Amino acid sequence: MTPGGIAPTPHRSHRIAAIDALRGLVMLLMLVDHVREFVYLYAQVRDPMDLAATPAALAWTRIASHICAPVFILLTGLSASLYGQKHGGRAATAAFLLKRGLLLIALEVTLVSFAWTASLPPPILYLQVIWAIGVSMVALAGLLWLPRAALAVLALVIMLGHNALDGIALAPDQPGYALWSILHLRGLIPLPWGVARTSYPVLPWIGVIAAGYVLGPWFSGAVPAQQRRRRLAIWGGAAFAAFAVLRGLNGYGDPVPWQPGATMVDTALAFLNLTKYPPSADFLLATLGLGLVLLALFERLPAAISGGLQVFGGAPLFFYLLHLFLLRALQTAAAGIGLVAASGRMEVGAPVLIWLIAAALCLPLYAACHGMVGLKRRVSWPGLSYL
């Protein structure tokens, strides 16, 4: 039995449990970052951060979340490949990716946007991570028809080569501006009621989801567990070594160079202060390298730890929507009883409180996800699979 009394289904293997557990970990780190967005907005950080104006504790809190989007989208591609192995190959996978991707795009511009802004439609529609995942899934629905070797090359070229396009900057009145803003340039796209902000340009994320899909055969029954873990560790280590070399050279790899600090800790912070929007080659090498190593390690994670993480990772969309509306409800309640700052928002004064609030929120979120995971295992309605 897993923690909370949910018995795993008989066909569930350590490799699949590891995927859910790693997904659960990155979602908990995402929770920390979103708590920061709600209660520490008065000290909003830039991308990359201005370390001279950002307290070290806040900077490390932000860096802790960098792994979230890359690993989650990599696992989305991997899960799509495993879906195809179980449900009839590429045609079934493409249909699933297309439907789910369109659903995520619709959720981003409705429920997710409302949870963040408490306005529908909002004056500024922020196209964030759910949008990026949805568009990436739609793109993968077409790209997965490529030979796997060609898809692997394309994924690497996109992830490592897109920074060569950084010099292309179109003005709002130039042809292709909206498309380029969606793909690679954070920009404002006019809408009938306001503007859309492309917070997550999608081109690099398409490369990440494609890379995850390419990993699928490693997780088939034909590959021994030890060999799979060795491959994950080797490729993860190679990615992180490539990051260290590129970042150390301080040239191509990230648009913003680093500078040594007054102490070793300051220097490490500067070295890891990477560009996320869009994710630089260095950013992806560091986070995906760590993610691959963790995925190998999580296959050997003790059940006492793995089981709890699997609950969070077993209902990812449910968790995502629920945690945003829970944070919105807390803000509304705080405003109702006067526990807000001059900004009209609930604010805390130290980064450690971000982590404590996130830890407290884990309890109701765990209970809710526990119930949803159990429902998904008991009920065969296809719609539950989207949660």
Protein backbone atom coordinates (compact mmCIF):
# COMPACT_ATOMS: atom_id res chain seq x y z
CA MET A 1 0.00 0.00 0.00
CA THR A 2 1.15 3.51 -0.73
CA PRO A 3 0.87 6.28 1.90
CA GLY A 4 -2.77 7.07 2.48
CA GLY A 5 -3.91 3.55 1.65
CA ILE A 6 -4.03 3.72 -2.17
CA ALA A 7 -2.97 0.36 -3.53
CA PRO A 8 -1.03 0.53 -6.81
CA THR A 9 -2.63 -1.21 -9.74
CA PRO A 10 -1.02 -4.58 -10.51
CA HIS A 11 0.50 -3.47 -13.82
CA ARG A 12 2.20 -0.41 -12.36
CA SER A 13 5.99 -0.69 -12.57
CA HIS A 14 8.84 1.10 -10.83
CA ARG A 15 9.61 3.02 -14.03
CA ILE A 16 6.09 4.47 -14.25
CA ALA A 17 6.02 5.17 -10.51
CA ALA A 18 9.29 7.07 -10.92
CA ILE A 19 7.71 9.30 -13.58
CA ASP A 20 4.76 10.15 -11.33
CA ALA A 21 7.04 10.71 -8.34
CA LEU A 22 9.35 13.06 -10.24
CA ARG A 23 6.35 14.88 -11.64
CA GLY A 24 5.05 15.22 -8.09
CA LEU A 25 8.33 16.72 -6.90
CA VAL A 26 8.44 19.36 -9.60
CA MET A 27 4.81 20.25 -8.94
CA LEU A 28 5.57 20.84 -5.27
CA LEU A 29 8.45 23.13 -6.25
CA MET A 30 6.05 24.86 -8.64
CA LEU A 31 3.71 25.39 -5.69
CA VAL A 32 6.51 27.19 -3.84
CA ASP A 33 7.10 29.47 -6.83
CA HIS A 34 3.41 30.25 -7.22
CA VAL A 35 3.08 31.02 -3.52
CA ARG A 36 5.92 33.48 -4.12
CA GLU A 37 3.93 35.02 -6.98
CA PHE A 38 0.91 35.52 -4.72
CA VAL A 39 2.48 36.70 -1.45
CA TYR A 40 5.83 38.15 -2.54
CA LEU A 41 4.79 40.04 -5.65
CA TYR A 42 6.03 43.31 -4.15
CA ALA A 43 9.54 41.89 -4.58
CA GLN A 44 8.99 40.47 -8.05
CA VAL A 45 12.17 39.13 -9.67
CA ARG A 46 13.42 39.80 -13.18
CA ASP A 47 14.56 37.16 -15.67
CA PRO A 48 17.38 36.56 -15.14
CA MET A 49 17.44 38.08 -11.69
CA ASP A 50 19.17 41.31 -10.76
CA LEU A 51 21.30 39.79 -8.02
CA ALA A 52 22.37 43.18 -6.73
CA ALA A 53 18.73 43.96 -5.88
CA THR A 54 17.48 40.45 -5.03
CA PRO A 55 18.13 38.99 -1.54
CA ALA A 56 20.01 35.72 -1.71
CA ALA A 57 17.23 33.74 0.00
CA LEU A 58 14.71 34.96 -2.55
CA ALA A 59 17.11 34.23 -5.43
CA TRP A 60 17.67 30.64 -4.26
CA THR A 61 13.92 30.21 -3.82
CA ARG A 62 13.42 31.26 -7.43
CA ILE A 63 16.23 29.03 -8.73
CA ALA A 64 14.73 26.02 -6.91
CA SER A 65 11.72 26.23 -9.23
CA HIS A 66 13.72 26.36 -12.47
CA ILE A 67 13.55 22.59 -12.82
CA CYS A 68 9.74 22.58 -12.90
CA ALA A 69 8.72 23.51 -16.45
CA PRO A 70 11.57 21.70 -18.28
CA VAL A 71 11.15 18.43 -16.40
CA PHE A 72 7.35 18.53 -16.51
CA ILE A 73 7.32 19.09 -20.28
CA LEU A 74 10.00 16.43 -20.81
CA LEU A 75 7.85 13.98 -18.84
CA THR A 76 4.83 15.03 -20.91
CA GLY A 77 6.63 13.93 -24.05
CA LEU A 78 7.79 10.72 -22.38
CA SER A 79 4.27 9.96 -21.17
CA ALA A 80 2.94 10.54 -24.69
CA SER A 81 5.33 7.90 -26.00
CA LEU A 82 4.24 5.46 -23.29
CA TYR A 83 0.61 6.21 -24.16
CA GLY A 84 1.34 5.16 -27.72
CA GLN A 85 2.97 1.92 -26.58
CA LYS A 86 -0.23 1.05 -24.69
CA HIS A 87 -2.95 2.45 -26.96
CA GLY A 88 -2.06 1.60 -30.51
CA GLY A 89 0.89 3.62 -31.72
CA ARG A 90 1.41 7.04 -33.25
CA ALA A 91 -2.12 7.62 -34.61
CA ALA A 92 -3.69 7.19 -31.16
CA THR A 93 -0.94 9.28 -29.57
CA ALA A 94 -1.33 12.10 -32.07
CA ALA A 95 -5.09 12.21 -31.48
CA PHE A 96 -4.60 12.27 -27.70
CA LEU A 97 -1.96 15.01 -27.91
CA LEU A 98 -4.10 17.14 -30.18
CA LYS A 99 -7.20 16.90 -27.99
CA ARG A 100 -5.36 17.43 -24.72
CA GLY A 101 -3.23 20.23 -26.15
CA LEU A 102 -6.29 22.14 -27.35
CA LEU A 103 -7.94 21.59 -23.96
CA LEU A 104 -4.91 23.05 -22.16
CA ILE A 105 -4.87 26.09 -24.44
CA ALA A 106 -8.58 26.64 -23.69
CA LEU A 107 -7.98 26.27 -19.96
CA GLU A 108 -5.10 28.77 -20.03
CA VAL A 109 -7.24 31.53 -21.51
CA THR A 110 -10.21 30.82 -19.20
CA LEU A 111 -9.86 29.12 -15.80
CA VAL A 112 -6.12 29.59 -15.39
CA SER A 113 -6.24 33.23 -16.44
CA PHE A 114 -9.13 33.87 -14.05
CA ALA A 115 -7.28 32.22 -11.15
CA TRP A 116 -4.27 34.48 -11.68
CA THR A 117 -6.07 37.76 -12.38
CA ALA A 118 -9.60 37.40 -10.89
CA SER A 119 -10.83 38.93 -14.14
CA LEU A 120 -12.37 37.37 -17.24
CA PRO A 121 -11.46 38.48 -19.76
CA PRO A 122 -8.41 40.12 -18.21
CA PRO A 123 -6.95 43.34 -19.62
CA ILE A 124 -3.69 41.42 -20.14
CA LEU A 125 -3.98 37.75 -21.03
CA TYR A 126 -0.79 36.06 -19.85
CA LEU A 127 0.04 33.01 -21.98
CA GLN A 128 2.02 30.97 -19.48
CA VAL A 129 3.11 27.41 -18.87
CA ILE A 130 -0.22 25.65 -19.48
CA TRP A 131 -0.42 27.46 -22.82
CA ALA A 132 3.15 26.40 -23.64
CA ILE A 133 2.43 22.77 -22.77
CA GLY A 134 -0.75 22.81 -24.84
CA VAL A 135 0.92 24.30 -27.92
CA SER A 136 3.86 21.90 -27.52
CA MET A 137 1.49 18.93 -27.40
CA VAL A 138 -0.25 20.09 -30.57
CA ALA A 139 3.15 20.48 -32.25
CA LEU A 140 4.26 17.02 -31.10
CA ALA A 141 1.08 15.53 -32.56
CA GLY A 142 2.54 16.42 -35.95
CA LEU A 143 6.24 15.95 -35.25
CA LEU A 144 5.94 12.41 -33.88
CA TRP A 145 5.43 11.12 -37.43
CA LEU A 146 9.10 11.87 -38.12
CA PRO A 147 11.57 8.98 -37.78
CA ARG A 148 12.69 8.85 -34.17
CA ALA A 149 16.31 9.65 -35.07
CA ALA A 150 15.22 12.71 -37.05
CA LEU A 151 13.00 13.82 -34.16
CA ALA A 152 15.92 13.45 -31.74
CA VAL A 153 18.15 15.62 -33.94
CA LEU A 154 15.40 18.21 -34.34
CA ALA A 155 14.85 18.32 -30.57
CA LEU A 156 18.55 18.93 -29.91
CA VAL A 157 18.81 21.56 -32.64
CA ILE A 158 15.83 23.46 -31.22
CA MET A 159 16.90 23.23 -27.57
CA LEU A 160 20.57 24.06 -28.12
CA GLY A 161 20.35 26.22 -31.22
CA HIS A 162 17.43 28.57 -30.62
CA ASN A 163 19.63 31.15 -28.91
CA ALA A 164 21.17 31.81 -32.32
CA LEU A 165 17.82 33.44 -33.14
CA ASP A 166 17.97 35.89 -30.23
CA GLY A 167 19.02 38.73 -32.53
CA ILE A 168 15.76 38.53 -34.49
CA ALA A 169 13.45 41.14 -32.98
CA LEU A 170 10.36 42.22 -34.89
CA ALA A 171 8.42 45.39 -34.16
CA PRO A 172 4.68 45.13 -33.46
CA ASP A 173 3.86 46.64 -36.87
CA GLN A 174 6.06 44.20 -38.82
CA PRO A 175 4.69 41.10 -40.57
CA GLY A 176 5.13 37.96 -38.50
CA TYR A 177 5.39 39.80 -35.18
CA ALA A 178 2.56 37.86 -33.52
CA LEU A 179 3.88 34.49 -34.68
CA TRP A 180 7.43 35.33 -33.62
CA SER A 181 6.17 36.50 -30.23
CA ILE A 182 4.47 33.14 -29.77
CA LEU A 183 7.54 31.20 -30.86
CA HIS A 184 10.54 33.03 -29.44
CA LEU A 185 10.02 36.65 -28.38
CA ARG A 186 8.18 37.74 -25.25
CA GLY A 187 5.83 40.35 -26.58
CA LEU A 188 2.37 41.90 -26.43
CA ILE A 189 -0.15 40.83 -29.06
CA PRO A 190 -3.22 43.08 -29.53
CA LEU A 191 -6.59 41.46 -28.81
CA PRO A 192 -10.13 42.83 -29.28
CA TRP A 193 -10.45 43.48 -25.51
CA GLY A 194 -6.82 44.08 -24.54
CA VAL A 195 -3.49 42.37 -25.18
CA ALA A 196 -1.94 38.94 -24.79
CA ARG A 197 1.49 38.62 -23.19
CA THR A 198 3.50 35.68 -24.49
CA SER A 199 5.16 34.91 -21.17
CA TYR A 200 6.29 31.46 -22.36
CA PRO A 201 7.56 31.57 -25.97
CA VAL A 202 6.97 28.03 -27.17
CA LEU A 203 9.77 27.13 -29.61
CA PRO A 204 12.26 25.78 -27.03
CA TRP A 205 9.48 23.89 -25.23
CA ILE A 206 8.58 22.10 -28.47
CA GLY A 207 12.15 20.82 -28.49
CA VAL A 208 11.83 19.67 -24.87
CA ILE A 209 8.58 17.74 -25.41
CA ALA A 210 10.06 16.13 -28.52
CA ALA A 211 13.12 15.06 -26.52
CA GLY A 212 10.85 13.45 -23.93
CA TYR A 213 9.01 11.55 -26.64
CA VAL A 214 12.31 10.24 -28.00
CA LEU A 215 13.09 8.73 -24.59
CA GLY A 216 10.01 6.48 -24.76
CA PRO A 217 11.69 3.26 -26.00
CA TRP A 218 14.01 3.31 -22.98
CA PHE A 219 10.92 2.77 -20.86
CA SER A 220 9.57 -0.17 -22.83
CA GLY A 221 9.66 -3.64 -21.36
CA ALA A 222 12.47 -4.55 -23.77
CA VAL A 223 15.04 -2.38 -21.97
CA PRO A 224 16.35 -3.73 -18.64
CA ALA A 225 15.91 -1.38 -15.70
CA GLN A 226 19.62 -1.21 -14.94
CA GLN A 227 20.43 -0.30 -18.55
CA ARG A 228 17.73 2.38 -18.59
CA ARG A 229 19.00 3.93 -15.37
CA ARG A 230 22.55 3.91 -16.68
CA ARG A 231 21.49 5.65 -19.88
CA LEU A 232 19.54 8.28 -17.95
CA ALA A 233 22.47 8.93 -15.63
CA ILE A 234 24.97 9.16 -18.51
CA TRP A 235 22.87 11.50 -20.60
CA GLY A 236 21.93 13.57 -17.57
CA GLY A 237 25.55 13.87 -16.51
CA ALA A 238 26.60 14.75 -20.07
CA ALA A 239 23.97 17.48 -20.26
CA PHE A 240 25.08 18.97 -16.97
CA ALA A 241 28.75 18.79 -18.01
CA ALA A 242 27.89 20.56 -21.27
CA PHE A 243 26.11 23.23 -19.26
CA ALA A 244 29.14 23.71 -17.01
CA VAL A 245 31.44 24.12 -20.01
CA LEU A 246 29.16 26.48 -21.94
CA ARG A 247 28.33 28.57 -18.90
CA GLY A 248 31.97 28.65 -17.85
CA LEU A 249 32.99 30.00 -21.26
CA ASN A 250 30.47 32.81 -20.77
CA GLY A 251 29.66 32.97 -24.47
CA TYR A 252 26.93 31.21 -26.40
CA GLY A 253 24.38 29.44 -24.23
CA ASP A 254 22.71 32.26 -22.30
CA PRO A 255 22.04 35.85 -23.37
CA VAL A 256 23.21 37.23 -20.02
CA PRO A 257 26.80 36.47 -18.91
CA TRP A 258 27.71 35.77 -15.31
CA GLN A 259 30.33 37.47 -13.16
CA PRO A 260 32.22 36.13 -10.14
CA GLY A 261 30.82 37.27 -6.80
CA ALA A 262 32.43 38.29 -3.55
CA THR A 263 32.10 34.76 -2.14
CA MET A 264 31.86 31.24 -3.56
CA VAL A 265 28.14 31.21 -2.76
CA ASP A 266 27.64 34.49 -4.62
CA THR A 267 29.58 33.10 -7.57
CA ALA A 268 27.48 29.93 -7.61
CA LEU A 269 24.33 32.03 -7.52
CA ALA A 270 25.52 34.11 -10.47
CA PHE A 271 26.51 30.97 -12.39
CA LEU A 272 23.01 29.51 -11.94
CA ASN A 273 21.17 32.75 -12.63
CA LEU A 274 19.91 31.68 -16.04
CA THR A 275 17.40 32.97 -18.56
CA LYS A 276 14.04 31.19 -18.51
CA TYR A 277 11.87 33.23 -20.91
CA PRO A 278 12.53 31.71 -23.37
CA PRO A 279 14.70 29.04 -21.71
CA SER A 280 18.29 29.40 -22.84
CA ALA A 281 20.39 26.46 -23.97
CA ASP A 282 22.26 26.65 -20.65
CA PHE A 283 18.97 26.66 -18.74
CA LEU A 284 17.75 23.54 -20.53
CA LEU A 285 21.05 21.69 -20.23
CA ALA A 286 21.20 22.32 -16.48
CA THR A 287 17.57 21.54 -15.64
CA LEU A 288 17.07 18.60 -17.99
CA GLY A 289 20.43 17.13 -17.00
CA LEU A 290 19.34 17.20 -13.38
CA GLY A 291 15.92 15.85 -14.33
CA LEU A 292 17.34 12.82 -16.13
CA VAL A 293 19.57 11.96 -13.19
CA LEU A 294 16.65 12.33 -10.78
CA LEU A 295 14.49 10.11 -12.97
CA ALA A 296 17.11 7.38 -12.72
CA LEU A 297 17.39 7.81 -8.96
CA PHE A 298 13.63 7.89 -8.44
CA GLU A 299 13.30 4.32 -9.70
CA ARG A 300 15.11 3.36 -6.49
CA LEU A 301 13.33 5.84 -4.24
CA PRO A 302 11.95 4.30 -1.01
CA ALA A 303 8.22 3.66 -1.22
CA ALA A 304 7.61 5.80 1.86
CA ILE A 305 8.78 8.86 -0.12
CA SER A 306 7.82 7.81 -3.62
CA GLY A 307 4.23 6.99 -2.72
CA GLY A 308 3.49 10.46 -1.41
CA LEU A 309 5.03 12.16 -4.42
CA GLN A 310 3.07 9.88 -6.75
CA VAL A 311 -0.18 11.18 -5.28
CA PHE A 312 0.73 14.72 -6.34
CA GLY A 313 2.06 13.57 -9.70
CA GLY A 314 -0.85 11.25 -10.42
CA ALA A 315 -3.38 14.06 -11.02
CA PRO A 316 -1.26 16.90 -12.42
CA LEU A 317 -3.90 19.06 -14.10
CA PHE A 318 -6.23 18.69 -11.12
CA PHE A 319 -3.40 19.76 -8.81
CA TYR A 320 -2.53 22.72 -11.02
CA LEU A 321 -6.04 24.14 -11.19
CA LEU A 322 -6.78 23.43 -7.54
CA HIS A 323 -3.64 25.06 -6.16
CA LEU A 324 -4.22 28.25 -8.16
CA PHE A 325 -7.81 28.60 -6.99
CA LEU A 326 -6.74 27.80 -3.43
CA LEU A 327 -4.18 30.62 -3.58
CA ARG A 328 -6.78 32.94 -5.09
CA ALA A 329 -9.24 32.02 -2.30
CA LEU A 330 -6.60 32.81 0.34
CA GLN A 331 -5.97 36.22 -1.21
CA THR A 332 -9.70 36.94 -1.32
CA ALA A 333 -10.20 35.82 2.27
CA ALA A 334 -7.24 37.90 3.46
CA ALA A 335 -8.68 40.95 1.74
CA GLY A 336 -12.08 40.28 3.31
CA ILE A 337 -10.71 40.37 6.84
CA GLY A 338 -8.20 43.14 6.27
CA LEU A 339 -5.01 41.06 6.28
CA VAL A 340 -3.57 42.80 3.25
CA ALA A 341 -0.86 45.37 2.64
CA ALA A 342 -1.27 48.74 0.98
CA SER A 343 -1.14 46.99 -2.38
CA GLY A 344 -4.40 45.23 -1.55
CA ARG A 345 -2.62 41.86 -1.53
CA MET A 346 -1.61 39.45 1.18
CA GLU A 347 2.15 39.85 1.62
CA VAL A 348 4.82 38.20 3.76
CA GLY A 349 8.13 39.66 4.77
CA ALA A 350 10.67 36.84 4.47
CA PRO A 351 11.34 34.17 1.81
CA VAL A 352 11.25 31.40 4.42
CA LEU A 353 7.56 32.14 4.88
CA ILE A 354 6.98 31.29 1.22
CA TRP A 355 8.21 27.76 1.93
CA LEU A 356 6.17 27.49 5.14
CA ILE A 357 2.96 28.56 3.42
CA ALA A 358 3.61 26.09 0.60
CA ALA A 359 4.22 23.33 3.15
CA ALA A 360 0.92 24.12 4.88
CA LEU A 361 -0.94 24.05 1.56
CA CYS A 362 0.47 20.60 0.81
CA LEU A 363 -1.91 19.07 3.37
CA PRO A 364 -5.24 19.97 1.72
CA LEU A 365 -3.74 19.50 -1.72
CA TYR A 366 -2.54 16.02 -0.81
CA ALA A 367 -5.98 15.07 0.49
CA ALA A 368 -7.67 16.33 -2.66
CA CYS A 369 -5.16 14.67 -5.01
CA HIS A 370 -5.37 11.46 -2.99
CA GLY A 371 -9.11 11.40 -3.63
CA MET A 372 -8.71 12.21 -7.33
CA VAL A 373 -6.05 9.52 -7.87
CA GLY A 374 -8.30 6.97 -6.19
CA LEU A 375 -11.24 8.08 -8.35
CA LYS A 376 -9.16 7.77 -11.52
CA ARG A 377 -8.24 4.19 -10.57
CA ARG A 378 -11.83 3.19 -9.74
CA VAL A 379 -13.69 4.90 -12.58
CA SER A 380 -13.01 4.19 -16.23
CA TRP A 381 -14.51 7.43 -17.62
CA PRO A 382 -11.96 8.67 -20.25
CA GLY A 383 -12.35 12.30 -19.19
CA LEU A 384 -10.62 11.60 -15.89
CA SER A 385 -7.41 10.77 -17.73
CA TYR A 386 -7.06 14.46 -18.61
CA LEU A 387 -6.74 15.33 -14.93
